[in-house]
Amino acid sequence: MYFRTTLEPLCEEYIANPPADSKTRESKHKKLSETTMVQVILKADEIELDGDEFARQQRKALIVEVQMVLKMMDDAAQP
């Protein structure tokens, strides 16, 4: 899955080592956050589930996981 293989490692790197320079930190935070929102959360919202409860639960779990990662990135972005 794109989030776990591509975006999550980039987010984790940012969380572990946010750039020291505030402009770079803000720029990288904005880029990663927006990319994650567009590529994962908004696309997950577009998925038609047609009453499939298992798929709904999987989608919800993914969105909660992504939101937690975004929150950690927000925290790491603070000086």
PDB file of N, CA and C in Angstrom:
ATOM      1  N   MET A   1       0.832  -1.169   0.000  1.00  0.00           N
ATOM      2  CA  MET A   1       0.000   0.000   0.000  1.00  0.00           C
ATOM      3  C   MET A   1       0.885   1.244   0.000  1.00  0.00           C
ATOM      4  N   TYR A   2       0.480   2.215  -0.761  1.00  0.00           N
ATOM      5  CA  TYR A   2       1.263   3.438  -0.974  1.00  0.00           C
ATOM      6  C   TYR A   2       1.593   4.167   0.324  1.00  0.00           C
ATOM      7  N   PHE A   3       0.632   4.275   1.237  1.00  0.00           N
ATOM      8  CA  PHE A   3       0.910   4.982   2.489  1.00  0.00           C
ATOM      9  C   PHE A   3       2.008   4.291   3.274  1.00  0.00           C
ATOM     10  N   ARG A   4       1.869   2.995   3.472  1.00  0.00           N
ATOM     11  CA  ARG A   4       2.827   2.274   4.322  1.00  0.00           C
ATOM     12  C   ARG A   4       4.201   2.129   3.681  1.00  0.00           C
ATOM     13  N   THR A   5       4.252   2.001   2.374  1.00  0.00           N
ATOM     14  CA  THR A   5       5.550   1.779   1.724  1.00  0.00           C
ATOM     15  C   THR A   5       6.266   3.073   1.343  1.00  0.00           C
ATOM     16  N   THR A   6       5.518   4.134   1.085  1.00  0.00           N
ATOM     17  CA  THR A   6       6.133   5.370   0.586  1.00  0.00           C
ATOM     18  C   THR A   6       5.996   6.538   1.548  1.00  0.00           C
ATOM     19  N   LEU A   7       4.776   6.870   1.906  1.00  0.00           N
ATOM     20  CA  LEU A   7       4.558   8.074   2.710  1.00  0.00           C
ATOM     21  C   LEU A   7       4.901   7.901   4.185  1.00  0.00           C
ATOM     22  N   GLU A   8       4.500   6.790   4.777  1.00  0.00           N
ATOM     23  CA  GLU A   8       4.751   6.593   6.207  1.00  0.00           C
ATOM     24  C   GLU A   8       6.239   6.653   6.550  1.00  0.00           C
ATOM     25  N   PRO A   9       7.119   6.004   5.778  1.00  0.00           N
ATOM     26  CA  PRO A   9       8.549   6.134   6.095  1.00  0.00           C
ATOM     27  C   PRO A   9       9.047   7.591   6.023  1.00  0.00           C
ATOM     28  N   LEU A  10       8.539   8.361   5.064  1.00  0.00           N
ATOM     29  CA  LEU A  10       8.931   9.774   4.978  1.00  0.00           C
ATOM     30  C   LEU A  10       8.413  10.554   6.181  1.00  0.00           C
ATOM     31  N   CYS A  11       7.200  10.269   6.582  1.00  0.00           N
ATOM     32  CA  CYS A  11       6.626  10.935   7.759  1.00  0.00           C
ATOM     33  C   CYS A  11       7.399  10.557   9.017  1.00  0.00           C
ATOM     34  N   GLU A  12       7.728   9.287   9.164  1.00  0.00           N
ATOM     35  CA  GLU A  12       8.477   8.835  10.340  1.00  0.00           C
ATOM     36  C   GLU A  12       9.854   9.473  10.395  1.00  0.00           C
ATOM     37  N   GLU A  13      10.489   9.624   9.250  1.00  0.00           N
ATOM     38  CA  GLU A  13      11.792  10.298   9.191  1.00  0.00           C
ATOM     39  C   GLU A  13      11.650  11.747   9.647  1.00  0.00           C
ATOM     40  N   TYR A  14      10.597  12.410   9.188  1.00  0.00           N
ATOM     41  CA  TYR A  14      10.350  13.800   9.586  1.00  0.00           C
ATOM     42  C   TYR A  14      10.113  13.888  11.093  1.00  0.00           C
ATOM     43  N   ILE A  15       9.306  12.981  11.625  1.00  0.00           N
ATOM     44  CA  ILE A  15       9.001  12.985  13.058  1.00  0.00           C
ATOM     45  C   ILE A  15      10.265  12.764  13.877  1.00  0.00           C
ATOM     46  N   ALA A  16      11.097  11.831  13.451  1.00  0.00           N
ATOM     47  CA  ALA A  16      12.326  11.504  14.184  1.00  0.00           C
ATOM     48  C   ALA A  16      13.380  12.600  14.068  1.00  0.00           C
ATOM     49  N   ASN A  17      13.429  13.260  12.909  1.00  0.00           N
ATOM     50  CA  ASN A  17      14.462  14.260  12.659  1.00  0.00           C
ATOM     51  C   ASN A  17      13.906  15.459  11.907  1.00  0.00           C
ATOM     52  N   PRO A  18      13.065  16.280  12.560  1.00  0.00           N
ATOM     53  CA  PRO A  18      12.554  17.447  11.849  1.00  0.00           C
ATOM     54  C   PRO A  18      13.697  18.414  11.534  1.00  0.00           C
ATOM     55  N   PRO A  19      13.652  19.044  10.377  1.00  0.00           N
ATOM     56  CA  PRO A  19      14.723  19.984  10.026  1.00  0.00           C
ATOM     57  C   PRO A  19      14.870  21.081  11.088  1.00  0.00           C
ATOM     58  N   ALA A  20      16.096  21.458  11.373  1.00  0.00           N
ATOM     59  CA  ALA A  20      16.364  22.489  12.384  1.00  0.00           C
ATOM     60  C   ALA A  20      15.926  23.864  11.891  1.00  0.00           C
ATOM     61  N   ASP A  21      16.123  24.129  10.614  1.00  0.00           N
ATOM     62  CA  ASP A  21      15.741  25.418  10.034  1.00  0.00           C
ATOM     63  C   ASP A  21      14.222  25.504   9.965  1.00  0.00           C
ATOM     64  N   SER A  22      13.656  26.574  10.517  1.00  0.00           N
ATOM     65  CA  SER A  22      12.196  26.678  10.610  1.00  0.00           C
ATOM     66  C   SER A  22      11.514  26.715   9.237  1.00  0.00           C
ATOM     67  N   LYS A  23      12.110  27.410   8.263  1.00  0.00           N
ATOM     68  CA  LYS A  23      11.488  27.470   6.935  1.00  0.00           C
ATOM     69  C   LYS A  23      11.471  26.094   6.277  1.00  0.00           C
ATOM     70  N   THR A  24      12.569  25.382   6.372  1.00  0.00           N
ATOM     71  CA  THR A  24      12.653  24.042   5.803  1.00  0.00           C
ATOM     72  C   THR A  24      11.699  23.113   6.532  1.00  0.00           C
ATOM     73  N   ARG A  25      11.644  23.217   7.853  1.00  0.00           N
ATOM     74  CA  ARG A  25      10.748  22.380   8.653  1.00  0.00           C
ATOM     75  C   ARG A  25       9.288  22.610   8.247  1.00  0.00           C
ATOM     76  N   GLU A  26       8.895  23.875   8.138  1.00  0.00           N
ATOM     77  CA  GLU A  26       7.519  24.206   7.758  1.00  0.00           C
ATOM     78  C   GLU A  26       7.199  23.741   6.338  1.00  0.00           C
ATOM     79  N   SER A  27       8.128  23.957   5.427  1.00  0.00           N
ATOM     80  CA  SER A  27       7.918  23.571   4.034  1.00  0.00           C
ATOM     81  C   SER A  27       7.762  22.057   3.902  1.00  0.00           C
ATOM     82  N   LYS A  28       8.660  21.320   4.532  1.00  0.00           N
ATOM     83  CA  LYS A  28       8.608  19.865   4.445  1.00  0.00           C
ATOM     84  C   LYS A  28       7.344  19.333   5.128  1.00  0.00           C
ATOM     85  N   HIS A  29       6.991  19.919   6.266  1.00  0.00           N
ATOM     86  CA  HIS A  29       5.775  19.523   6.981  1.00  0.00           C
ATOM     87  C   HIS A  29       4.548  19.732   6.094  1.00  0.00           C
ATOM     88  N   LYS A  30       4.464  20.899   5.482  1.00  0.00           N
ATOM     89  CA  LYS A  30       3.317  21.211   4.627  1.00  0.00           C
ATOM     90  C   LYS A  30       3.236  20.244   3.448  1.00  0.00           C
ATOM     91  N   LYS A  31       4.354  20.001   2.800  1.00  0.00           N
ATOM     92  CA  LYS A  31       4.374  19.124   1.634  1.00  0.00           C
ATOM     93  C   LYS A  31       3.956  17.696   2.002  1.00  0.00           C
ATOM     94  N   LEU A  32       4.551  17.149   3.065  1.00  0.00           N
ATOM     95  CA  LEU A  32       4.213  15.785   3.474  1.00  0.00           C
ATOM     96  C   LEU A  32       2.768  15.677   3.951  1.00  0.00           C
ATOM     97  N   SER A  33       2.320  16.654   4.715  1.00  0.00           N
ATOM     98  CA  SER A  33       0.946  16.629   5.225  1.00  0.00           C
ATOM     99  C   SER A  33      -0.059  16.704   4.087  1.00  0.00           C
ATOM    100  N   GLU A  34       0.146  17.628   3.181  1.00  0.00           N
ATOM    101  CA  GLU A  34      -0.791  17.783   2.071  1.00  0.00           C
ATOM    102  C   GLU A  34      -0.782  16.561   1.162  1.00  0.00           C
ATOM    103  N   THR A  35       0.391  16.031   0.887  1.00  0.00           N
ATOM    104  CA  THR A  35       0.481  14.836   0.050  1.00  0.00           C
ATOM    105  C   THR A  35      -0.253  13.679   0.707  1.00  0.00           C
ATOM    106  N   THR A  36      -0.056  13.503   1.995  1.00  0.00           N
ATOM    107  CA  THR A  36      -0.711  12.424   2.724  1.00  0.00           C
ATOM    108  C   THR A  36      -2.225  12.612   2.719  1.00  0.00           C
ATOM    109  N   MET A  37      -2.675  13.832   2.943  1.00  0.00           N
ATOM    110  CA  MET A  37      -4.112  14.097   2.934  1.00  0.00           C
ATOM    111  C   MET A  37      -4.721  13.768   1.572  1.00  0.00           C
ATOM    112  N   VAL A  38      -4.091  14.244   0.514  1.00  0.00           N
ATOM    113  CA  VAL A  38      -4.647  14.052  -0.831  1.00  0.00           C
ATOM    114  C   VAL A  38      -4.530  12.598  -1.279  1.00  0.00           C
ATOM    115  N   GLN A  39      -3.363  12.005  -1.082  1.00  0.00           N
ATOM    116  CA  GLN A  39      -3.121  10.668  -1.609  1.00  0.00           C
ATOM    117  C   GLN A  39      -3.743   9.545  -0.780  1.00  0.00           C
ATOM    118  N   VAL A  40      -4.053   9.815   0.487  1.00  0.00           N
ATOM    119  CA  VAL A  40      -4.582   8.732   1.321  1.00  0.00           C
ATOM    120  C   VAL A  40      -5.999   9.040   1.807  1.00  0.00           C
ATOM    121  N   ILE A  41      -6.145  10.084   2.592  1.00  0.00           N
ATOM    122  CA  ILE A  41      -7.439  10.331   3.225  1.00  0.00           C
ATOM    123  C   ILE A  41      -8.517  10.677   2.191  1.00  0.00           C
ATOM    124  N   LEU A  42      -8.237  11.604   1.311  1.00  0.00           N
ATOM    125  CA  LEU A  42      -9.257  11.981   0.329  1.00  0.00           C
ATOM    126  C   LEU A  42      -9.580  10.833  -0.618  1.00  0.00           C
ATOM    127  N   LYS A  43      -8.571  10.066  -1.005  1.00  0.00           N
ATOM    128  CA  LYS A  43      -8.828   8.922  -1.890  1.00  0.00           C
ATOM    129  C   LYS A  43      -9.596   7.823  -1.156  1.00  0.00           C
ATOM    130  N   ALA A  44      -9.306   7.636   0.121  1.00  0.00           N
ATOM    131  CA  ALA A  44     -10.045   6.625   0.894  1.00  0.00           C
ATOM    132  C   ALA A  44     -11.506   7.016   1.025  1.00  0.00           C
ATOM    133  N   ASP A  45     -11.753   8.310   1.163  1.00  0.00           N
ATOM    134  CA  ASP A  45     -13.131   8.789   1.258  1.00  0.00           C
ATOM    135  C   ASP A  45     -13.913   8.545  -0.030  1.00  0.00           C
ATOM    136  N   GLU A  46     -13.237   8.448  -1.152  1.00  0.00           N
ATOM    137  CA  GLU A  46     -13.891   8.242  -2.445  1.00  0.00           C
ATOM    138  C   GLU A  46     -14.284   6.787  -2.699  1.00  0.00           C
ATOM    139  N   ILE A  47     -13.784   5.878  -1.906  1.00  0.00           N
ATOM    140  CA  ILE A  47     -14.040   4.452  -2.128  1.00  0.00           C
ATOM    141  C   ILE A  47     -15.498   4.130  -1.835  1.00  0.00           C
ATOM    142  N   GLU A  48     -16.147   3.531  -2.814  1.00  0.00           N
ATOM    143  CA  GLU A  48     -17.530   3.087  -2.649  1.00  0.00           C
ATOM    144  C   GLU A  48     -17.517   1.722  -1.965  1.00  0.00           C
ATOM    145  N   LEU A  49     -18.201   1.595  -0.841  1.00  0.00           N
ATOM    146  CA  LEU A  49     -18.155   0.362  -0.071  1.00  0.00           C
ATOM    147  C   LEU A  49     -19.365  -0.539  -0.289  1.00  0.00           C
ATOM    148  N   ASP A  50     -20.439   0.008  -0.781  1.00  0.00           N
ATOM    149  CA  ASP A  50     -21.648  -0.769  -1.070  1.00  0.00           C
ATOM    150  C   ASP A  50     -22.047  -1.682   0.088  1.00  0.00           C
ATOM    151  N   GLY A  51     -22.002  -1.152   1.308  1.00  0.00           N
ATOM    152  CA  GLY A  51     -22.449  -1.909   2.474  1.00  0.00           C
ATOM    153  C   GLY A  51     -21.475  -2.947   2.988  1.00  0.00           C
ATOM    154  N   ASP A  52     -20.262  -2.985   2.472  1.00  0.00           N
ATOM    155  CA  ASP A  52     -19.264  -3.958   2.917  1.00  0.00           C
ATOM    156  C   ASP A  52     -18.688  -3.491   4.261  1.00  0.00           C
ATOM    157  N   GLU A  53     -19.139  -4.109   5.347  1.00  0.00           N
ATOM    158  CA  GLU A  53     -18.738  -3.694   6.700  1.00  0.00           C
ATOM    159  C   GLU A  53     -17.242  -3.887   6.935  1.00  0.00           C
ATOM    160  N   PHE A  54     -16.688  -4.984   6.449  1.00  0.00           N
ATOM    161  CA  PHE A  54     -15.253  -5.233   6.636  1.00  0.00           C
ATOM    162  C   PHE A  54     -14.433  -4.144   5.949  1.00  0.00           C
ATOM    163  N   ALA A  55     -14.794  -3.806   4.716  1.00  0.00           N
ATOM    164  CA  ALA A  55     -14.080  -2.760   3.984  1.00  0.00           C
ATOM    165  C   ALA A  55     -14.225  -1.411   4.688  1.00  0.00           C
ATOM    166  N   ARG A  56     -15.401  -1.143   5.240  1.00  0.00           N
ATOM    167  CA  ARG A  56     -15.623   0.107   5.964  1.00  0.00           C
ATOM    168  C   ARG A  56     -14.708   0.182   7.186  1.00  0.00           C
ATOM    169  N   GLN A  57     -14.594  -0.920   7.910  1.00  0.00           N
ATOM    170  CA  GLN A  57     -13.723  -0.956   9.083  1.00  0.00           C
ATOM    171  C   GLN A  57     -12.259  -0.782   8.696  1.00  0.00           C
ATOM    172  N   GLN A  58     -11.853  -1.395   7.590  1.00  0.00           N
ATOM    173  CA  GLN A  58     -10.472  -1.266   7.110  1.00  0.00           C
ATOM    174  C   GLN A  58     -10.173   0.184   6.725  1.00  0.00           C
ATOM    175  N   ARG A  59     -11.110   0.803   6.028  1.00  0.00           N
ATOM    176  CA  ARG A  59     -10.932   2.197   5.624  1.00  0.00           C
ATOM    177  C   ARG A  59     -10.837   3.094   6.855  1.00  0.00           C
ATOM    178  N   LYS A  60     -11.715   2.859   7.812  1.00  0.00           N
ATOM    179  CA  LYS A  60     -11.708   3.661   9.037  1.00  0.00           C
ATOM    180  C   LYS A  60     -10.381   3.493   9.785  1.00  0.00           C
ATOM    181  N   ALA A  61      -9.891   2.274   9.883  1.00  0.00           N
ATOM    182  CA  ALA A  61      -8.619   2.014  10.568  1.00  0.00           C
ATOM    183  C   ALA A  61      -7.472   2.732   9.865  1.00  0.00           C
ATOM    184  N   LEU A  62      -7.474   2.720   8.546  1.00  0.00           N
ATOM    185  CA  LEU A  62      -6.431   3.417   7.790  1.00  0.00           C
ATOM    186  C   LEU A  62      -6.487   4.913   8.065  1.00  0.00           C
ATOM    187  N   ILE A  63      -7.678   5.478   8.033  1.00  0.00           N
ATOM    188  CA  ILE A  63      -7.813   6.918   8.247  1.00  0.00           C
ATOM    189  C   ILE A  63      -7.369   7.292   9.660  1.00  0.00           C
ATOM    190  N   VAL A  64      -7.730   6.504  10.659  1.00  0.00           N
ATOM    191  CA  VAL A  64      -7.304   6.778  12.030  1.00  0.00           C
ATOM    192  C   VAL A  64      -5.773   6.704  12.132  1.00  0.00           C
ATOM    193  N   GLU A  65      -5.181   5.704  11.505  1.00  0.00           N
ATOM    194  CA  GLU A  65      -3.720   5.556  11.520  1.00  0.00           C
ATOM    195  C   GLU A  65      -3.044   6.765  10.875  1.00  0.00           C
ATOM    196  N   VAL A  66      -3.545   7.187   9.732  1.00  0.00           N
ATOM    197  CA  VAL A  66      -2.964   8.330   9.027  1.00  0.00           C
ATOM    198  C   VAL A  66      -3.127   9.601   9.861  1.00  0.00           C
ATOM    199  N   GLN A  67      -4.274   9.771  10.491  1.00  0.00           N
ATOM    200  CA  GLN A  67      -4.496  10.947  11.322  1.00  0.00           C
ATOM    201  C   GLN A  67      -3.530  10.976  12.502  1.00  0.00           C
ATOM    202  N   MET A  68      -3.218   9.820  13.073  1.00  0.00           N
ATOM    203  CA  MET A  68      -2.253   9.769  14.176  1.00  0.00           C
ATOM    204  C   MET A  68      -0.864  10.179  13.694  1.00  0.00           C
ATOM    205  N   VAL A  69      -0.481   9.706  12.519  1.00  0.00           N
ATOM    206  CA  VAL A  69       0.823  10.072  11.957  1.00  0.00           C
ATOM    207  C   VAL A  69       0.868  11.578  11.680  1.00  0.00           C
ATOM    208  N   LEU A  70      -0.208  12.118  11.119  1.00  0.00           N
ATOM    209  CA  LEU A  70      -0.255  13.562  10.854  1.00  0.00           C
ATOM    210  C   LEU A  70      -0.170  14.364  12.149  1.00  0.00           C
ATOM    211  N   LYS A  71      -0.805  13.888  13.216  1.00  0.00           N
ATOM    212  CA  LYS A  71      -0.735  14.567  14.516  1.00  0.00           C
ATOM    213  C   LYS A  71       0.696  14.554  15.042  1.00  0.00           C
ATOM    214  N   MET A  72       1.385  13.426  14.912  1.00  0.00           N
ATOM    215  CA  MET A  72       2.777  13.354  15.354  1.00  0.00           C
ATOM    216  C   MET A  72       3.647  14.296  14.532  1.00  0.00           C
ATOM    217  N   MET A  73       3.351  14.414  13.236  1.00  0.00           N
ATOM    218  CA  MET A  73       4.099  15.349  12.406  1.00  0.00           C
ATOM    219  C   MET A  73       3.838  16.793  12.846  1.00  0.00           C
ATOM    220  N   ASP A  74       2.581  17.108  13.161  1.00  0.00           N
ATOM    221  CA  ASP A  74       2.259  18.440  13.662  1.00  0.00           C
ATOM    222  C   ASP A  74       3.036  18.747  14.939  1.00  0.00           C
ATOM    223  N   ASP A  75       3.092  17.767  15.829  1.00  0.00           N
ATOM    224  CA  ASP A  75       3.835  17.952  17.073  1.00  0.00           C
ATOM    225  C   ASP A  75       5.326  18.155  16.811  1.00  0.00           C
ATOM    226  N   ALA A  76       5.873  17.387  15.867  1.00  0.00           N
ATOM    227  CA  ALA A  76       7.299  17.496  15.552  1.00  0.00           C
ATOM    228  C   ALA A  76       7.623  18.818  14.856  1.00  0.00           C
ATOM    229  N   ALA A  77       6.632  19.412  14.204  1.00  0.00           N
ATOM    230  CA  ALA A  77       6.857  20.670  13.481  1.00  0.00           C
ATOM    231  C   ALA A  77       6.964  21.869  14.406  1.00  0.00           C
ATOM    232  N   GLN A  78       6.499  21.692  15.635  1.00  0.00           N
ATOM    233  CA  GLN A  78       6.558  22.806  16.582  1.00  0.00           C
ATOM    234  C   GLN A  78       8.000  23.037  17.024  1.00  0.00           C
ATOM    235  N   PRO A  79       8.389  24.307  17.105  1.00  0.00           N
ATOM    236  CA  PRO A  79       9.770  24.609  17.521  1.00  0.00           C
ATOM    237  C   PRO A  79      10.041  24.232  18.967  1.00  0.00           C
TER     238      PRO A  79
END
